[in-house]
């Protein structure tokens, strides 16, 4: 098996990078930051938001609940406030299955 380097993970993401990753407008990321208490991005001296990988993961979970599962904002808040561990666990399983699917599709298309 050939050697492949592990992709470098950034320590902090700007709000623009986060909006590109999630494919939502910057204003949506700002709105979610104000609505969900679990999002606490750092701010530099200029006041620019700096999101950690944990913040990005939380944003992906919020995006999944709102955009993919079609939950309302109050419904997503309720789900995250009461059963965060369960929601996080289900999200991790979903992401693992998505990566496995991508790998299998690459293998299929490679042959």
PDB file of N, CA and C in Angstrom:
ATOM      1  N   UNK A   1       0.846  -1.167   0.000  1.00  0.00           N
ATOM      2  CA  UNK A   1       0.000   0.000   0.000  1.00  0.00           C
ATOM      3  C   UNK A   1       0.898   1.239   0.000  1.00  0.00           C
ATOM      4  N   UNK A   2       0.669   2.184  -0.908  1.00  0.00           N
ATOM      5  CA  UNK A   2       1.527   3.363  -0.973  1.00  0.00           C
ATOM      6  C   UNK A   2       1.331   4.277   0.227  1.00  0.00           C
ATOM      7  N   UNK A   3       2.392   5.015   0.516  1.00  0.00           N
ATOM      8  CA  UNK A   3       2.361   5.955   1.636  1.00  0.00           C
ATOM      9  C   UNK A   3       1.560   7.184   1.241  1.00  0.00           C
ATOM     10  N   UNK A   4       0.632   7.560   2.087  1.00  0.00           N
ATOM     11  CA  UNK A   4      -0.110   8.796   1.876  1.00  0.00           C
ATOM     12  C   UNK A   4      -0.056   9.603   3.159  1.00  0.00           C
ATOM     13  N   UNK A   5       0.189  10.883   3.006  1.00  0.00           N
ATOM     14  CA  UNK A   5       0.245  11.739   4.182  1.00  0.00           C
ATOM     15  C   UNK A   5      -1.156  12.066   4.651  1.00  0.00           C
ATOM     16  N   UNK A   6      -1.291  12.150   5.966  1.00  0.00           N
ATOM     17  CA  UNK A   6      -2.565  12.521   6.560  1.00  0.00           C
ATOM     18  C   UNK A   6      -2.797  14.006   6.314  1.00  0.00           C
ATOM     19  N   UNK A   7      -4.011  14.375   5.900  1.00  0.00           N
ATOM     20  CA  UNK A   7      -4.249  15.804   5.670  1.00  0.00           C
ATOM     21  C   UNK A   7      -4.062  16.619   6.946  1.00  0.00           C
ATOM     22  N   UNK A   8      -3.474  17.784   6.802  1.00  0.00           N
ATOM     23  CA  UNK A   8      -3.216  18.655   7.944  1.00  0.00           C
ATOM     24  C   UNK A   8      -4.527  19.302   8.370  1.00  0.00           C
ATOM     25  N   UNK A   9      -4.821  19.187   9.655  1.00  0.00           N
ATOM     26  CA  UNK A   9      -6.030  19.804  10.189  1.00  0.00           C
ATOM     27  C   UNK A   9      -5.667  21.142  10.820  1.00  0.00           C
ATOM     28  N   UNK A  10      -6.420  22.146  10.460  1.00  0.00           N
ATOM     29  CA  UNK A  10      -6.152  23.480  10.962  1.00  0.00           C
ATOM     30  C   UNK A  10      -6.604  23.605  12.415  1.00  0.00           C
ATOM     31  N   UNK A  11      -5.979  24.508  13.142  1.00  0.00           N
ATOM     32  CA  UNK A  11      -6.386  24.783  14.515  1.00  0.00           C
ATOM     33  C   UNK A  11      -7.594  25.701  14.549  1.00  0.00           C
ATOM     34  N   UNK A  12      -7.616  26.689  13.660  1.00  0.00           N
ATOM     35  CA  UNK A  12      -8.706  27.652  13.638  1.00  0.00           C
ATOM     36  C   UNK A  12      -9.180  27.877  12.206  1.00  0.00           C
ATOM     37  N   UNK A  13     -10.479  28.060  12.069  1.00  0.00           N
ATOM     38  CA  UNK A  13     -11.099  28.332  10.778  1.00  0.00           C
ATOM     39  C   UNK A  13     -11.779  29.695  10.840  1.00  0.00           C
ATOM     40  N   UNK A  14     -11.636  30.465   9.771  1.00  0.00           N
ATOM     41  CA  UNK A  14     -12.333  31.752   9.715  1.00  0.00           C
ATOM     42  C   UNK A  14     -13.802  31.494   9.404  1.00  0.00           C
ATOM     43  N   UNK A  15     -14.623  32.508   9.601  1.00  0.00           N
ATOM     44  CA  UNK A  15     -16.051  32.349   9.346  1.00  0.00           C
ATOM     45  C   UNK A  15     -16.307  32.110   7.858  1.00  0.00           C
ATOM     46  N   UNK A  16     -15.469  32.686   6.998  1.00  0.00           N
ATOM     47  CA  UNK A  16     -15.589  32.448   5.562  1.00  0.00           C
ATOM     48  C   UNK A  16     -15.301  30.995   5.196  1.00  0.00           C
ATOM     49  N   UNK A  17     -14.252  30.426   5.810  1.00  0.00           N
ATOM     50  CA  UNK A  17     -13.925  29.019   5.558  1.00  0.00           C
ATOM     51  C   UNK A  17     -15.043  28.105   6.048  1.00  0.00           C
ATOM     52  N   UNK A  18     -15.594  28.422   7.212  1.00  0.00           N
ATOM     53  CA  UNK A  18     -16.679  27.609   7.770  1.00  0.00           C
ATOM     54  C   UNK A  18     -17.898  27.667   6.863  1.00  0.00           C
ATOM     55  N   UNK A  19     -18.217  28.857   6.347  1.00  0.00           N
ATOM     56  CA  UNK A  19     -19.382  28.981   5.473  1.00  0.00           C
ATOM     57  C   UNK A  19     -19.180  28.209   4.175  1.00  0.00           C
ATOM     58  N   UNK A  20     -17.948  28.161   3.655  1.00  0.00           N
ATOM     59  CA  UNK A  20     -17.668  27.376   2.445  1.00  0.00           C
ATOM     60  C   UNK A  20     -17.784  25.882   2.723  1.00  0.00           C
ATOM     61  N   UNK A  21     -17.281  25.439   3.865  1.00  0.00           N
ATOM     62  CA  UNK A  21     -17.348  24.020   4.223  1.00  0.00           C
ATOM     63  C   UNK A  21     -18.794  23.574   4.347  1.00  0.00           C
ATOM     64  N   UNK A  22     -19.614  24.388   5.000  1.00  0.00           N
ATOM     65  CA  UNK A  22     -21.019  24.043   5.219  1.00  0.00           C
ATOM     66  C   UNK A  22     -21.911  24.413   4.042  1.00  0.00           C
ATOM     67  N   UNK A  23     -21.378  25.199   3.110  1.00  0.00           N
ATOM     68  CA  UNK A  23     -22.128  25.677   1.945  1.00  0.00           C
ATOM     69  C   UNK A  23     -23.369  26.468   2.362  1.00  0.00           C
ATOM     70  N   UNK A  24     -23.154  27.373   3.304  1.00  0.00           N
ATOM     71  CA  UNK A  24     -24.199  28.293   3.755  1.00  0.00           C
ATOM     72  C   UNK A  24     -23.603  29.695   3.779  1.00  0.00           C
ATOM     73  N   UNK A  25     -24.434  30.729   3.724  1.00  0.00           N
ATOM     74  CA  UNK A  25     -23.902  32.099   3.802  1.00  0.00           C
ATOM     75  C   UNK A  25     -23.268  32.397   5.172  1.00  0.00           C
ATOM     76  N   UNK A  26     -22.368  33.358   5.181  1.00  0.00           N
ATOM     77  CA  UNK A  26     -21.701  33.773   6.422  1.00  0.00           C
ATOM     78  C   UNK A  26     -22.732  34.233   7.440  1.00  0.00           C
ATOM     79  N   UNK A  27     -23.773  34.914   6.968  1.00  0.00           N
ATOM     80  CA  UNK A  27     -24.803  35.405   7.883  1.00  0.00           C
ATOM     81  C   UNK A  27     -25.505  34.259   8.615  1.00  0.00           C
ATOM     82  N   UNK A  28     -25.632  33.113   7.962  1.00  0.00           N
ATOM     83  CA  UNK A  28     -26.254  31.943   8.600  1.00  0.00           C
ATOM     84  C   UNK A  28     -25.375  31.437   9.739  1.00  0.00           C
ATOM     85  N   UNK A  29     -24.069  31.400   9.518  1.00  0.00           N
ATOM     86  CA  UNK A  29     -23.140  30.958  10.571  1.00  0.00           C
ATOM     87  C   UNK A  29     -23.221  31.906  11.758  1.00  0.00           C
ATOM     88  N   UNK A  30     -23.264  33.220  11.487  1.00  0.00           N
ATOM     89  CA  UNK A  30     -23.394  34.202  12.571  1.00  0.00           C
ATOM     90  C   UNK A  30     -24.708  34.024  13.323  1.00  0.00           C
ATOM     91  N   UNK A  31     -25.781  33.769  12.591  1.00  0.00           N
ATOM     92  CA  UNK A  31     -27.089  33.570  13.206  1.00  0.00           C
ATOM     93  C   UNK A  31     -27.066  32.337  14.110  1.00  0.00           C
ATOM     94  N   UNK A  32     -26.506  31.235  13.608  1.00  0.00           N
ATOM     95  CA  UNK A  32     -26.439  30.017  14.422  1.00  0.00           C
ATOM     96  C   UNK A  32     -25.585  30.239  15.660  1.00  0.00           C
ATOM     97  N   UNK A  33     -24.530  31.033  15.533  1.00  0.00           N
ATOM     98  CA  UNK A  33     -23.680  31.325  16.690  1.00  0.00           C
ATOM     99  C   UNK A  33     -24.489  32.011  17.788  1.00  0.00           C
ATOM    100  N   UNK A  34     -25.383  32.918  17.401  1.00  0.00           N
ATOM    101  CA  UNK A  34     -26.208  33.619  18.382  1.00  0.00           C
ATOM    102  C   UNK A  34     -27.320  32.740  18.949  1.00  0.00           C
ATOM    103  N   UNK A  35     -27.775  31.767  18.192  1.00  0.00           N
ATOM    104  CA  UNK A  35     -28.905  30.939  18.604  1.00  0.00           C
ATOM    105  C   UNK A  35     -28.504  29.738  19.456  1.00  0.00           C
ATOM    106  N   UNK A  36     -27.334  29.170  19.222  1.00  0.00           N
ATOM    107  CA  UNK A  36     -26.925  27.932  19.917  1.00  0.00           C
ATOM    108  C   UNK A  36     -25.783  28.217  20.875  1.00  0.00           C
ATOM    109  N   UNK A  37     -26.000  27.881  22.139  1.00  0.00           N
ATOM    110  CA  UNK A  37     -25.012  28.153  23.191  1.00  0.00           C
ATOM    111  C   UNK A  37     -23.737  27.326  23.054  1.00  0.00           C
ATOM    112  N   UNK A  38     -23.800  26.206  22.358  1.00  0.00           N
ATOM    113  CA  UNK A  38     -22.616  25.354  22.246  1.00  0.00           C
ATOM    114  C   UNK A  38     -21.554  25.959  21.334  1.00  0.00           C
ATOM    115  N   UNK A  39     -21.923  26.964  20.576  1.00  0.00           N
ATOM    116  CA  UNK A  39     -20.976  27.621  19.676  1.00  0.00           C
ATOM    117  C   UNK A  39     -20.359  28.817  20.377  1.00  0.00           C
ATOM    118  N   UNK A  40     -19.071  28.728  20.623  1.00  0.00           N
ATOM    119  CA  UNK A  40     -18.346  29.805  21.294  1.00  0.00           C
ATOM    120  C   UNK A  40     -17.032  30.054  20.558  1.00  0.00           C
ATOM    121  N   UNK A  41     -17.095  30.662  19.359  1.00  0.00           N
ATOM    122  CA  UNK A  41     -15.838  30.915  18.647  1.00  0.00           C
ATOM    123  C   UNK A  41     -15.008  31.980  19.353  1.00  0.00           C
ATOM    124  N   UNK A  42     -13.704  31.828  19.229  1.00  0.00           N
ATOM    125  CA  UNK A  42     -12.811  32.844  19.782  1.00  0.00           C
ATOM    126  C   UNK A  42     -12.823  34.038  18.846  1.00  0.00           C
ATOM    127  N   UNK A  43     -12.417  35.173  19.349  1.00  0.00           N
ATOM    128  CA  UNK A  43     -12.291  36.362  18.508  1.00  0.00           C
ATOM    129  C   UNK A  43     -10.889  36.929  18.692  1.00  0.00           C
ATOM    130  N   UNK A  44     -10.287  37.327  17.577  1.00  0.00           N
ATOM    131  CA  UNK A  44      -8.962  37.932  17.670  1.00  0.00           C
ATOM    132  C   UNK A  44      -9.095  39.417  18.008  1.00  0.00           C
ATOM    133  N   UNK A  45      -7.986  40.125  18.001  1.00  0.00           N
ATOM    134  CA  UNK A  45      -8.002  41.545  18.384  1.00  0.00           C
ATOM    135  C   UNK A  45      -8.871  42.380  17.457  1.00  0.00           C
ATOM    136  N   UNK A  46      -8.980  41.972  16.204  1.00  0.00           N
ATOM    137  CA  UNK A  46      -9.808  42.691  15.244  1.00  0.00           C
ATOM    138  C   UNK A  46     -11.291  42.362  15.404  1.00  0.00           C
ATOM    139  N   UNK A  47     -11.589  41.313  16.153  1.00  0.00           N
ATOM    140  CA  UNK A  47     -12.974  40.897  16.330  1.00  0.00           C
ATOM    141  C   UNK A  47     -13.413  39.819  15.358  1.00  0.00           C
ATOM    142  N   UNK A  48     -12.465  39.286  14.566  1.00  0.00           N
ATOM    143  CA  UNK A  48     -12.790  38.207  13.640  1.00  0.00           C
ATOM    144  C   UNK A  48     -13.013  36.909  14.398  1.00  0.00           C
ATOM    145  N   UNK A  49     -14.033  36.175  14.007  1.00  0.00           N
ATOM    146  CA  UNK A  49     -14.338  34.907  14.662  1.00  0.00           C
ATOM    147  C   UNK A  49     -13.356  33.838  14.203  1.00  0.00           C
ATOM    148  N   UNK A  50     -12.896  33.033  15.158  1.00  0.00           N
ATOM    149  CA  UNK A  50     -12.007  31.913  14.876  1.00  0.00           C
ATOM    150  C   UNK A  50     -12.640  30.649  15.451  1.00  0.00           C
ATOM    151  N   UNK A  51     -13.039  29.751  14.573  1.00  0.00           N
ATOM    152  CA  UNK A  51     -13.723  28.530  14.968  1.00  0.00           C
ATOM    153  C   UNK A  51     -12.726  27.387  15.096  1.00  0.00           C
ATOM    154  N   UNK A  52     -12.823  26.631  16.182  1.00  0.00           N
ATOM    155  CA  UNK A  52     -11.984  25.451  16.365  1.00  0.00           C
ATOM    156  C   UNK A  52     -12.611  24.274  15.625  1.00  0.00           C
ATOM    157  N   UNK A  53     -11.899  23.162  15.571  1.00  0.00           N
ATOM    158  CA  UNK A  53     -12.451  21.968  14.914  1.00  0.00           C
ATOM    159  C   UNK A  53     -13.675  21.458  15.682  1.00  0.00           C
ATOM    160  N   UNK A  54     -13.707  21.665  16.996  1.00  0.00           N
ATOM    161  CA  UNK A  54     -14.881  21.286  17.791  1.00  0.00           C
ATOM    162  C   UNK A  54     -16.082  22.151  17.429  1.00  0.00           C
ATOM    163  N   UNK A  55     -15.847  23.452  17.248  1.00  0.00           N
ATOM    164  CA  UNK A  55     -16.920  24.347  16.796  1.00  0.00           C
ATOM    165  C   UNK A  55     -17.424  23.924  15.423  1.00  0.00           C
ATOM    166  N   UNK A  56     -16.502  23.563  14.539  1.00  0.00           N
ATOM    167  CA  UNK A  56     -16.879  23.137  13.195  1.00  0.00           C
ATOM    168  C   UNK A  56     -17.726  21.868  13.247  1.00  0.00           C
ATOM    169  N   UNK A  57     -17.341  20.946  14.114  1.00  0.00           N
ATOM    170  CA  UNK A  57     -18.119  19.713  14.277  1.00  0.00           C
ATOM    171  C   UNK A  57     -19.522  20.040  14.781  1.00  0.00           C
ATOM    172  N   UNK A  58     -19.625  20.924  15.766  1.00  0.00           N
ATOM    173  CA  UNK A  58     -20.934  21.326  16.289  1.00  0.00           C
ATOM    174  C   UNK A  58     -21.776  22.003  15.214  1.00  0.00           C
ATOM    175  N   UNK A  59     -21.139  22.843  14.398  1.00  0.00           N
ATOM    176  CA  UNK A  59     -21.858  23.487  13.300  1.00  0.00           C
ATOM    177  C   UNK A  59     -22.349  22.472  12.278  1.00  0.00           C
ATOM    178  N   UNK A  60     -21.542  21.459  12.024  1.00  0.00           N
ATOM    179  CA  UNK A  60     -21.968  20.408  11.089  1.00  0.00           C
ATOM    180  C   UNK A  60     -23.182  19.658  11.635  1.00  0.00           C
ATOM    181  N   UNK A  61     -23.197  19.424  12.939  1.00  0.00           N
ATOM    182  CA  UNK A  61     -24.344  18.754  13.560  1.00  0.00           C
ATOM    183  C   UNK A  61     -25.588  19.637  13.445  1.00  0.00           C
ATOM    184  N   UNK A  62     -25.430  20.924  13.732  1.00  0.00           N
ATOM    185  CA  UNK A  62     -26.557  21.854  13.618  1.00  0.00           C
ATOM    186  C   UNK A  62     -27.044  21.906  12.169  1.00  0.00           C
ATOM    187  N   UNK A  63     -26.112  21.980  11.231  1.00  0.00           N
ATOM    188  CA  UNK A  63     -26.467  21.995   9.806  1.00  0.00           C
ATOM    189  C   UNK A  63     -27.232  20.729   9.436  1.00  0.00           C
ATOM    190  N   UNK A  64     -26.762  19.597   9.918  1.00  0.00           N
ATOM    191  CA  UNK A  64     -27.432  18.318   9.626  1.00  0.00           C
ATOM    192  C   UNK A  64     -28.862  18.315  10.168  1.00  0.00           C
ATOM    193  N   UNK A  65     -29.029  18.761  11.398  1.00  0.00           N
ATOM    194  CA  UNK A  65     -30.369  18.776  11.998  1.00  0.00           C
ATOM    195  C   UNK A  65     -31.313  19.718  11.256  1.00  0.00           C
ATOM    196  N   UNK A  66     -30.829  20.901  10.915  1.00  0.00           N
ATOM    197  CA  UNK A  66     -31.700  21.898  10.306  1.00  0.00           C
ATOM    198  C   UNK A  66     -31.925  21.664   8.813  1.00  0.00           C
ATOM    199  N   UNK A  67     -30.878  21.376   8.087  1.00  0.00           N
ATOM    200  CA  UNK A  67     -30.982  21.305   6.627  1.00  0.00           C
ATOM    201  C   UNK A  67     -31.302  19.906   6.105  1.00  0.00           C
ATOM    202  N   UNK A  68     -30.713  18.885   6.713  1.00  0.00           N
ATOM    203  CA  UNK A  68     -30.903  17.533   6.188  1.00  0.00           C
ATOM    204  C   UNK A  68     -32.075  16.805   6.840  1.00  0.00           C
ATOM    205  N   UNK A  69     -32.245  16.990   8.149  1.00  0.00           N
ATOM    206  CA  UNK A  69     -33.376  16.348   8.823  1.00  0.00           C
ATOM    207  C   UNK A  69     -34.619  17.223   8.811  1.00  0.00           C
ATOM    208  N   UNK A  70     -34.470  18.492   8.441  1.00  0.00           N
ATOM    209  CA  UNK A  70     -35.606  19.389   8.318  1.00  0.00           C
ATOM    210  C   UNK A  70     -36.220  19.837   9.636  1.00  0.00           C
ATOM    211  N   UNK A  71     -35.427  19.843  10.688  1.00  0.00           N
ATOM    212  CA  UNK A  71     -35.941  20.283  11.988  1.00  0.00           C
ATOM    213  C   UNK A  71     -36.086  21.797  12.005  1.00  0.00           C
ATOM    214  N   UNK A  72     -36.971  22.265  12.862  1.00  0.00           N
ATOM    215  CA  UNK A  72     -37.102  23.702  13.076  1.00  0.00           C
ATOM    216  C   UNK A  72     -36.022  24.140  14.056  1.00  0.00           C
ATOM    217  N   UNK A  73     -35.824  25.441  14.153  1.00  0.00           N
ATOM    218  CA  UNK A  73     -34.824  25.972  15.075  1.00  0.00           C
ATOM    219  C   UNK A  73     -35.135  25.596  16.522  1.00  0.00           C
ATOM    220  N   UNK A  74     -36.379  25.785  16.996  1.00  0.00           N
ATOM    221  CA  UNK A  74     -36.690  25.358  18.369  1.00  0.00           C
ATOM    222  C   UNK A  74     -36.533  23.843  18.566  1.00  0.00           C
ATOM    223  N   UNK A  75     -36.860  23.062  17.539  1.00  0.00           N
ATOM    224  CA  UNK A  75     -36.718  21.607  17.640  1.00  0.00           C
ATOM    225  C   UNK A  75     -35.262  21.193  17.765  1.00  0.00           C
ATOM    226  N   UNK A  76     -34.399  21.830  16.970  1.00  0.00           N
ATOM    227  CA  UNK A  76     -32.968  21.524  17.040  1.00  0.00           C
ATOM    228  C   UNK A  76     -32.392  21.948  18.389  1.00  0.00           C
ATOM    229  N   UNK A  77     -32.820  23.107  18.901  1.00  0.00           N
ATOM    230  CA  UNK A  77     -32.345  23.560  20.218  1.00  0.00           C
ATOM    231  C   UNK A  77     -32.752  22.575  21.302  1.00  0.00           C
ATOM    232  N   UNK A  78     -33.985  22.108  21.222  1.00  0.00           N
ATOM    233  CA  UNK A  78     -34.477  21.161  22.229  1.00  0.00           C
ATOM    234  C   UNK A  78     -33.706  19.854  22.166  1.00  0.00           C
ATOM    235  N   UNK A  79     -33.469  19.369  20.953  1.00  0.00           N
ATOM    236  CA  UNK A  79     -32.733  18.113  20.795  1.00  0.00           C
ATOM    237  C   UNK A  79     -31.305  18.240  21.321  1.00  0.00           C
ATOM    238  N   UNK A  80     -30.663  19.357  21.031  1.00  0.00           N
ATOM    239  CA  UNK A  80     -29.281  19.543  21.466  1.00  0.00           C
ATOM    240  C   UNK A  80     -29.173  19.804  22.967  1.00  0.00           C
ATOM    241  N   UNK A  81     -30.174  20.427  23.543  1.00  0.00           N
ATOM    242  CA  UNK A  81     -30.096  20.733  24.972  1.00  0.00           C
ATOM    243  C   UNK A  81     -30.287  19.495  25.836  1.00  0.00           C
ATOM    244  N   UNK A  82     -31.133  18.584  25.404  1.00  0.00           N
ATOM    245  CA  UNK A  82     -31.434  17.433  26.237  1.00  0.00           C
ATOM    246  C   UNK A  82     -30.589  16.205  25.967  1.00  0.00           C
ATOM    247  N   UNK A  83     -30.295  15.954  24.700  1.00  0.00           N
ATOM    248  CA  UNK A  83     -29.634  14.698  24.346  1.00  0.00           C
ATOM    249  C   UNK A  83     -28.407  14.954  23.480  1.00  0.00           C
ATOM    250  N   UNK A  84     -27.492  15.771  23.964  1.00  0.00           N
ATOM    251  CA  UNK A  84     -26.326  16.121  23.168  1.00  0.00           C
ATOM    252  C   UNK A  84     -25.468  14.898  22.863  1.00  0.00           C
ATOM    253  N   UNK A  85     -25.224  14.044  23.845  1.00  0.00           N
ATOM    254  CA  UNK A  85     -24.360  12.882  23.627  1.00  0.00           C
ATOM    255  C   UNK A  85     -24.951  11.947  22.571  1.00  0.00           C
ATOM    256  N   UNK A  86     -26.262  11.746  22.645  1.00  0.00           N
ATOM    257  CA  UNK A  86     -26.928  10.872  21.673  1.00  0.00           C
ATOM    258  C   UNK A  86     -26.858  11.476  20.269  1.00  0.00           C
ATOM    259  N   UNK A  87     -27.101  12.765  20.159  1.00  0.00           N
ATOM    260  CA  UNK A  87     -27.046  13.442  18.869  1.00  0.00           C
ATOM    261  C   UNK A  87     -25.638  13.394  18.296  1.00  0.00           C
ATOM    262  N   UNK A  88     -24.644  13.631  19.142  1.00  0.00           N
ATOM    263  CA  UNK A  88     -23.244  13.581  18.714  1.00  0.00           C
ATOM    264  C   UNK A  88     -22.884  12.178  18.242  1.00  0.00           C
ATOM    265  N   UNK A  89     -23.313  11.171  18.974  1.00  0.00           N
ATOM    266  CA  UNK A  89     -23.035   9.780  18.624  1.00  0.00           C
ATOM    267  C   UNK A  89     -23.654   9.416  17.274  1.00  0.00           C
ATOM    268  N   UNK A  90     -24.905   9.806  17.072  1.00  0.00           N
ATOM    269  CA  UNK A  90     -25.576   9.513  15.798  1.00  0.00           C
ATOM    270  C   UNK A  90     -24.894  10.235  14.643  1.00  0.00           C
ATOM    271  N   UNK A  91     -24.448  11.457  14.891  1.00  0.00           N
ATOM    272  CA  UNK A  91     -23.749  12.198  13.849  1.00  0.00           C
ATOM    273  C   UNK A  91     -22.438  11.505  13.480  1.00  0.00           C
ATOM    274  N   UNK A  92     -21.696  11.051  14.489  1.00  0.00           N
ATOM    275  CA  UNK A  92     -20.428  10.359  14.234  1.00  0.00           C
ATOM    276  C   UNK A  92     -20.654   9.083  13.414  1.00  0.00           C
ATOM    277  N   UNK A  93     -21.698   8.341  13.731  1.00  0.00           N
ATOM    278  CA  UNK A  93     -22.025   7.134  12.966  1.00  0.00           C
ATOM    279  C   UNK A  93     -22.350   7.507  11.522  1.00  0.00           C
ATOM    280  N   UNK A  94     -23.141   8.551  11.346  1.00  0.00           N
ATOM    281  CA  UNK A  94     -23.513   9.011  10.008  1.00  0.00           C
ATOM    282  C   UNK A  94     -22.274   9.406   9.203  1.00  0.00           C
ATOM    283  N   UNK A  95     -21.354  10.135   9.831  1.00  0.00           N
ATOM    284  CA  UNK A  95     -20.127  10.546   9.148  1.00  0.00           C
ATOM    285  C   UNK A  95     -19.257   9.343   8.793  1.00  0.00           C
ATOM    286  N   UNK A  96     -19.167   8.365   9.682  1.00  0.00           N
ATOM    287  CA  UNK A  96     -18.387   7.156   9.400  1.00  0.00           C
ATOM    288  C   UNK A  96     -18.967   6.410   8.211  1.00  0.00           C
ATOM    289  N   UNK A  97     -20.275   6.279   8.177  1.00  0.00           N
ATOM    290  CA  UNK A  97     -20.926   5.600   7.057  1.00  0.00           C
ATOM    291  C   UNK A  97     -20.722   6.364   5.745  1.00  0.00           C
ATOM    292  N   UNK A  98     -20.754   7.677   5.811  1.00  0.00           N
ATOM    293  CA  UNK A  98     -20.525   8.484   4.612  1.00  0.00           C
ATOM    294  C   UNK A  98     -19.111   8.284   4.077  1.00  0.00           C
ATOM    295  N   UNK A  99     -18.108   8.244   4.987  1.00  0.00           N
ATOM    296  CA  UNK A  99     -16.723   8.028   4.564  1.00  0.00           C
ATOM    297  C   UNK A  99     -16.537   6.631   3.981  1.00  0.00           C
ATOM    298  N   UNK A 100     -17.192   5.644   4.573  1.00  0.00           N
ATOM    299  CA  UNK A 100     -17.111   4.276   4.047  1.00  0.00           C
ATOM    300  C   UNK A 100     -17.716   4.219   2.652  1.00  0.00           C
ATOM    301  N   UNK A 101     -18.843   4.889   2.466  1.00  0.00           N
ATOM    302  CA  UNK A 101     -19.489   4.924   1.151  1.00  0.00           C
ATOM    303  C   UNK A 101     -18.562   5.548   0.117  1.00  0.00           C
ATOM    304  N   UNK A 102     -17.923   6.677   0.480  1.00  0.00           N
ATOM    305  CA  UNK A 102     -16.992   7.330  -0.440  1.00  0.00           C
ATOM    306  C   UNK A 102     -15.836   6.408  -0.797  1.00  0.00           C
ATOM    307  N   UNK A 103     -15.304   5.700   0.187  1.00  0.00           N
ATOM    308  CA  UNK A 103     -14.205   4.770  -0.056  1.00  0.00           C
ATOM    309  C   UNK A 103     -14.637   3.646  -0.991  1.00  0.00           C
ATOM    310  N   UNK A 104     -15.819   3.094  -0.745  1.00  0.00           N
ATOM    311  CA  UNK A 104     -16.308   2.021  -1.596  1.00  0.00           C
ATOM    312  C   UNK A 104     -16.560   2.494  -3.030  1.00  0.00           C
ATOM    313  N   UNK A 105     -17.067   3.708  -3.173  1.00  0.00           N
ATOM    314  CA  UNK A 105     -17.276   4.256  -4.518  1.00  0.00           C
ATOM    315  C   UNK A 105     -15.942   4.488  -5.229  1.00  0.00           C
ATOM    316  N   UNK A 106     -14.934   4.937  -4.494  1.00  0.00           N
ATOM    317  CA  UNK A 106     -13.601   5.105  -5.091  1.00  0.00           C
ATOM    318  C   UNK A 106     -13.033   3.765  -5.540  1.00  0.00           C
ATOM    319  N   UNK A 107     -13.200   2.742  -4.698  1.00  0.00           N
ATOM    320  CA  UNK A 107     -12.712   1.412  -5.051  1.00  0.00           C
ATOM    321  C   UNK A 107     -13.427   0.876  -6.288  1.00  0.00           C
ATOM    322  N   UNK A 108     -14.731   1.084  -6.340  1.00  0.00           N
ATOM    323  CA  UNK A 108     -15.514   0.602  -7.474  1.00  0.00           C
ATOM    324  C   UNK A 108     -15.101   1.319  -8.756  1.00  0.00           C
ATOM    325  N   UNK A 109     -14.929   2.612  -8.693  1.00  0.00           N
ATOM    326  CA  UNK A 109     -14.591   3.387  -9.869  1.00  0.00           C
ATOM    327  C   UNK A 109     -13.138   3.212 -10.284  1.00  0.00           C
ATOM    328  N   UNK A 110     -12.295   2.801  -9.352  1.00  0.00           N
ATOM    329  CA  UNK A 110     -10.872   2.598  -9.639  1.00  0.00           C
ATOM    330  C   UNK A 110     -10.596   1.343 -10.427  1.00  0.00           C
ATOM    331  N   UNK A 111     -11.498   0.415 -10.444  1.00  0.00           N
ATOM    332  CA  UNK A 111     -11.273  -0.848 -11.146  1.00  0.00           C
ATOM    333  C   UNK A 111     -11.930  -0.899 -12.462  1.00  0.00           C
TER     334      UNK A 111
END
